[in-house]
């Protein structure tokens, strides 16, 4: 599931980068607990991760009970963590 704010930022991205980031998120959604390239856990909270695709980032949370991935933010490297 993609939050509204993240969806708006994804829509503003260049098409090639948006497609690449969405493909990465789809791979994560298929198997959220597998090891994925360019994914690191964030230190702020448990079950909060970031996906890196070039200069773009997506921050997402894994809901372990529902086995769901919720995309919270997507933006350029300098802006996504604000």
N, C-alpha and C. Protein backbone atom coordinates (compact mmCIF):
# COMPACT_ATOMS: atom_id res chain seq x y z
N UNK A 1 0.84 -1.17 0.00
CA UNK A 1 0.00 0.00 0.00
C UNK A 1 0.90 1.24 0.00
N UNK A 2 0.54 2.22 -0.78
CA UNK A 2 1.31 3.45 -0.89
C UNK A 2 0.50 4.60 -0.30
N UNK A 3 1.07 5.29 0.67
CA UNK A 3 0.42 6.45 1.28
C UNK A 3 0.26 7.56 0.24
N UNK A 4 -0.71 8.45 0.44
CA UNK A 4 -1.00 9.51 -0.53
C UNK A 4 0.20 10.40 -0.82
N UNK A 5 0.90 10.81 0.22
CA UNK A 5 2.04 11.70 0.03
C UNK A 5 3.13 11.01 -0.79
N UNK A 6 3.39 9.75 -0.52
CA UNK A 6 4.40 9.00 -1.27
C UNK A 6 3.96 8.84 -2.73
N UNK A 7 2.67 8.61 -2.95
CA UNK A 7 2.16 8.47 -4.32
C UNK A 7 2.33 9.76 -5.10
N UNK A 8 2.10 10.90 -4.45
CA UNK A 8 2.29 12.19 -5.12
C UNK A 8 3.75 12.40 -5.50
N UNK A 9 4.66 12.06 -4.62
CA UNK A 9 6.09 12.21 -4.91
C UNK A 9 6.53 11.26 -6.02
N UNK A 10 5.99 10.06 -6.01
CA UNK A 10 6.31 9.11 -7.09
C UNK A 10 5.84 9.65 -8.43
N UNK A 11 4.68 10.27 -8.46
CA UNK A 11 4.15 10.83 -9.70
C UNK A 11 5.02 11.96 -10.23
N UNK A 12 5.72 12.67 -9.35
CA UNK A 12 6.58 13.79 -9.75
C UNK A 12 7.96 13.34 -10.23
N UNK A 13 8.31 12.09 -10.00
CA UNK A 13 9.64 11.59 -10.38
C UNK A 13 9.74 11.41 -11.89
N UNK A 14 10.96 11.46 -12.42
CA UNK A 14 11.15 11.12 -13.83
C UNK A 14 10.68 9.68 -14.07
N UNK A 15 10.05 9.40 -15.21
CA UNK A 15 9.44 8.09 -15.46
C UNK A 15 10.38 6.89 -15.28
N UNK A 16 11.58 6.99 -15.74
CA UNK A 16 12.51 5.86 -15.65
C UNK A 16 12.84 5.54 -14.19
N UNK A 17 13.11 6.56 -13.40
CA UNK A 17 13.43 6.35 -12.00
C UNK A 17 12.21 5.88 -11.21
N UNK A 18 11.06 6.43 -11.54
CA UNK A 18 9.82 5.99 -10.87
C UNK A 18 9.57 4.51 -11.13
N UNK A 19 9.73 4.09 -12.37
CA UNK A 19 9.52 2.70 -12.73
C UNK A 19 10.49 1.79 -11.98
N UNK A 20 11.73 2.20 -11.89
CA UNK A 20 12.74 1.41 -11.19
C UNK A 20 12.42 1.28 -9.70
N UNK A 21 12.01 2.37 -9.08
CA UNK A 21 11.67 2.36 -7.67
C UNK A 21 10.43 1.50 -7.41
N UNK A 22 9.44 1.63 -8.26
CA UNK A 22 8.22 0.83 -8.10
C UNK A 22 8.51 -0.66 -8.30
N UNK A 23 9.37 -1.00 -9.26
CA UNK A 23 9.75 -2.40 -9.46
C UNK A 23 10.41 -2.97 -8.21
N UNK A 24 11.28 -2.17 -7.59
CA UNK A 24 11.92 -2.60 -6.34
C UNK A 24 10.92 -2.80 -5.23
N UNK A 25 9.96 -1.90 -5.12
CA UNK A 25 8.93 -2.03 -4.09
C UNK A 25 8.03 -3.24 -4.33
N UNK A 26 7.75 -3.54 -5.58
CA UNK A 26 6.94 -4.73 -5.90
C UNK A 26 7.68 -6.00 -5.50
N UNK A 27 8.99 -6.04 -5.75
CA UNK A 27 9.79 -7.21 -5.36
C UNK A 27 9.77 -7.38 -3.84
N UNK A 28 9.86 -6.28 -3.12
CA UNK A 28 9.81 -6.33 -1.67
C UNK A 28 8.44 -6.80 -1.20
N UNK A 29 7.39 -6.31 -1.83
CA UNK A 29 6.02 -6.69 -1.43
C UNK A 29 5.77 -8.18 -1.63
N UNK A 30 6.39 -8.78 -2.66
CA UNK A 30 6.21 -10.21 -2.89
C UNK A 30 6.79 -11.04 -1.75
N UNK A 31 7.92 -10.63 -1.20
CA UNK A 31 8.55 -11.35 -0.10
C UNK A 31 9.24 -10.34 0.82
N UNK A 32 8.49 -9.73 1.73
CA UNK A 32 9.04 -8.64 2.55
C UNK A 32 10.15 -9.05 3.51
N UNK A 33 10.25 -10.32 3.84
CA UNK A 33 11.24 -10.75 4.83
C UNK A 33 12.50 -11.32 4.21
N UNK A 34 12.59 -11.36 2.90
CA UNK A 34 13.81 -11.82 2.22
C UNK A 34 14.84 -10.69 2.20
N UNK A 35 16.08 -11.06 1.94
CA UNK A 35 17.13 -10.04 1.80
C UNK A 35 17.02 -9.43 0.41
N UNK A 36 16.93 -8.12 0.35
CA UNK A 36 16.81 -7.41 -0.92
C UNK A 36 18.00 -6.47 -1.09
N UNK A 37 18.46 -6.36 -2.33
CA UNK A 37 19.55 -5.43 -2.61
C UNK A 37 19.06 -4.00 -2.41
N UNK A 38 19.94 -3.15 -1.97
CA UNK A 38 19.65 -1.71 -1.79
C UNK A 38 18.63 -1.42 -0.70
N UNK A 39 18.41 -2.35 0.22
CA UNK A 39 17.48 -2.13 1.33
C UNK A 39 18.27 -2.18 2.63
N UNK A 40 18.01 -1.21 3.49
CA UNK A 40 18.63 -1.19 4.82
C UNK A 40 17.57 -0.85 5.85
N UNK A 41 17.69 -1.46 7.03
CA UNK A 41 16.77 -1.06 8.10
C UNK A 41 17.13 0.33 8.60
N UNK A 42 16.13 1.06 9.00
CA UNK A 42 16.37 2.40 9.56
C UNK A 42 16.48 2.26 11.08
N UNK A 43 17.30 3.07 11.67
CA UNK A 43 17.57 2.97 13.10
C UNK A 43 16.49 3.60 13.96
N UNK A 44 15.64 4.39 13.36
CA UNK A 44 14.63 5.13 14.11
C UNK A 44 13.61 4.21 14.76
N UNK A 45 13.09 3.25 14.00
CA UNK A 45 12.04 2.35 14.49
C UNK A 45 12.28 0.95 13.95
N UNK A 46 11.73 -0.02 14.66
CA UNK A 46 11.78 -1.39 14.19
C UNK A 46 10.79 -1.54 13.03
N UNK A 47 11.10 -2.40 12.09
CA UNK A 47 10.27 -2.68 10.92
C UNK A 47 10.13 -1.49 9.98
N UNK A 48 11.06 -0.55 10.03
CA UNK A 48 11.09 0.59 9.13
C UNK A 48 12.35 0.46 8.28
N UNK A 49 12.18 0.53 6.96
CA UNK A 49 13.29 0.29 6.04
C UNK A 49 13.32 1.36 4.97
N UNK A 50 14.46 1.43 4.27
CA UNK A 50 14.56 2.32 3.13
C UNK A 50 15.10 1.54 1.94
N UNK A 51 14.56 1.86 0.78
CA UNK A 51 15.00 1.29 -0.49
C UNK A 51 15.71 2.39 -1.25
N UNK A 52 16.89 2.10 -1.76
CA UNK A 52 17.69 3.09 -2.50
C UNK A 52 17.72 2.70 -3.98
N UNK A 53 17.38 3.65 -4.84
CA UNK A 53 17.47 3.49 -6.28
C UNK A 53 18.12 4.75 -6.83
N UNK A 54 19.44 4.72 -7.02
CA UNK A 54 20.15 5.91 -7.47
C UNK A 54 20.04 6.99 -6.43
N UNK A 55 19.59 8.18 -6.83
CA UNK A 55 19.45 9.27 -5.85
C UNK A 55 18.06 9.30 -5.21
N UNK A 56 17.23 8.33 -5.51
CA UNK A 56 15.86 8.28 -4.98
C UNK A 56 15.76 7.27 -3.86
N UNK A 57 14.88 7.56 -2.91
CA UNK A 57 14.68 6.68 -1.76
C UNK A 57 13.18 6.47 -1.53
N UNK A 58 12.87 5.30 -1.01
CA UNK A 58 11.51 5.01 -0.55
C UNK A 58 11.63 4.48 0.88
N UNK A 59 10.84 5.01 1.77
CA UNK A 59 10.82 4.56 3.15
C UNK A 59 9.52 3.78 3.33
N UNK A 60 9.66 2.57 3.88
CA UNK A 60 8.47 1.73 4.04
C UNK A 60 8.52 1.00 5.36
N UNK A 61 7.36 0.54 5.78
CA UNK A 61 7.21 -0.21 7.02
C UNK A 61 6.60 -1.57 6.68
N UNK A 62 7.06 -2.58 7.38
CA UNK A 62 6.50 -3.92 7.21
C UNK A 62 5.58 -4.19 8.40
N UNK A 63 4.33 -4.48 8.10
CA UNK A 63 3.39 -4.89 9.14
C UNK A 63 3.46 -6.42 9.21
N UNK A 64 4.09 -6.91 10.25
CA UNK A 64 4.35 -8.35 10.35
C UNK A 64 3.07 -9.17 10.49
N UNK A 65 2.10 -8.66 11.21
CA UNK A 65 0.85 -9.42 11.38
C UNK A 65 0.08 -9.54 10.07
N UNK A 66 -0.04 -8.44 9.36
CA UNK A 66 -0.80 -8.43 8.10
C UNK A 66 0.06 -8.87 6.91
N UNK A 67 1.40 -8.99 7.14
CA UNK A 67 2.35 -9.29 6.07
C UNK A 67 2.15 -8.33 4.90
N UNK A 68 2.13 -7.05 5.26
CA UNK A 68 1.88 -5.98 4.30
C UNK A 68 3.03 -4.98 4.33
N UNK A 69 3.34 -4.44 3.16
CA UNK A 69 4.34 -3.39 3.05
C UNK A 69 3.60 -2.08 2.81
N UNK A 70 3.89 -1.07 3.65
CA UNK A 70 3.25 0.24 3.53
C UNK A 70 4.33 1.27 3.22
N UNK A 71 4.26 1.86 2.02
CA UNK A 71 5.22 2.87 1.60
C UNK A 71 4.81 4.21 2.22
N UNK A 72 5.70 4.75 3.06
CA UNK A 72 5.40 5.97 3.79
C UNK A 72 5.89 7.22 3.08
N UNK A 73 7.04 7.12 2.41
CA UNK A 73 7.61 8.29 1.75
C UNK A 73 8.45 7.86 0.57
N UNK A 74 8.51 8.72 -0.43
CA UNK A 74 9.36 8.50 -1.61
C UNK A 74 9.79 9.87 -2.10
N UNK A 75 11.10 10.05 -2.25
CA UNK A 75 11.60 11.35 -2.69
C UNK A 75 13.09 11.23 -2.97
N UNK A 76 13.71 12.36 -3.28
CA UNK A 76 15.15 12.37 -3.50
C UNK A 76 15.87 12.14 -2.17
N UNK A 77 17.12 11.77 -2.27
CA UNK A 77 17.91 11.42 -1.10
C UNK A 77 17.91 12.52 -0.03
N UNK A 78 18.01 13.75 -0.42
CA UNK A 78 18.09 14.84 0.53
C UNK A 78 16.77 15.21 1.18
N UNK A 79 15.67 14.81 0.59
CA UNK A 79 14.35 15.25 1.10
C UNK A 79 13.52 14.16 1.75
N UNK A 80 13.81 12.92 1.49
CA UNK A 80 12.93 11.84 1.95
C UNK A 80 12.94 11.67 3.47
N UNK A 81 14.04 11.99 4.12
CA UNK A 81 14.16 11.74 5.55
C UNK A 81 13.63 12.88 6.41
N UNK A 82 13.15 13.95 5.82
CA UNK A 82 12.63 15.10 6.59
C UNK A 82 11.26 14.83 7.15
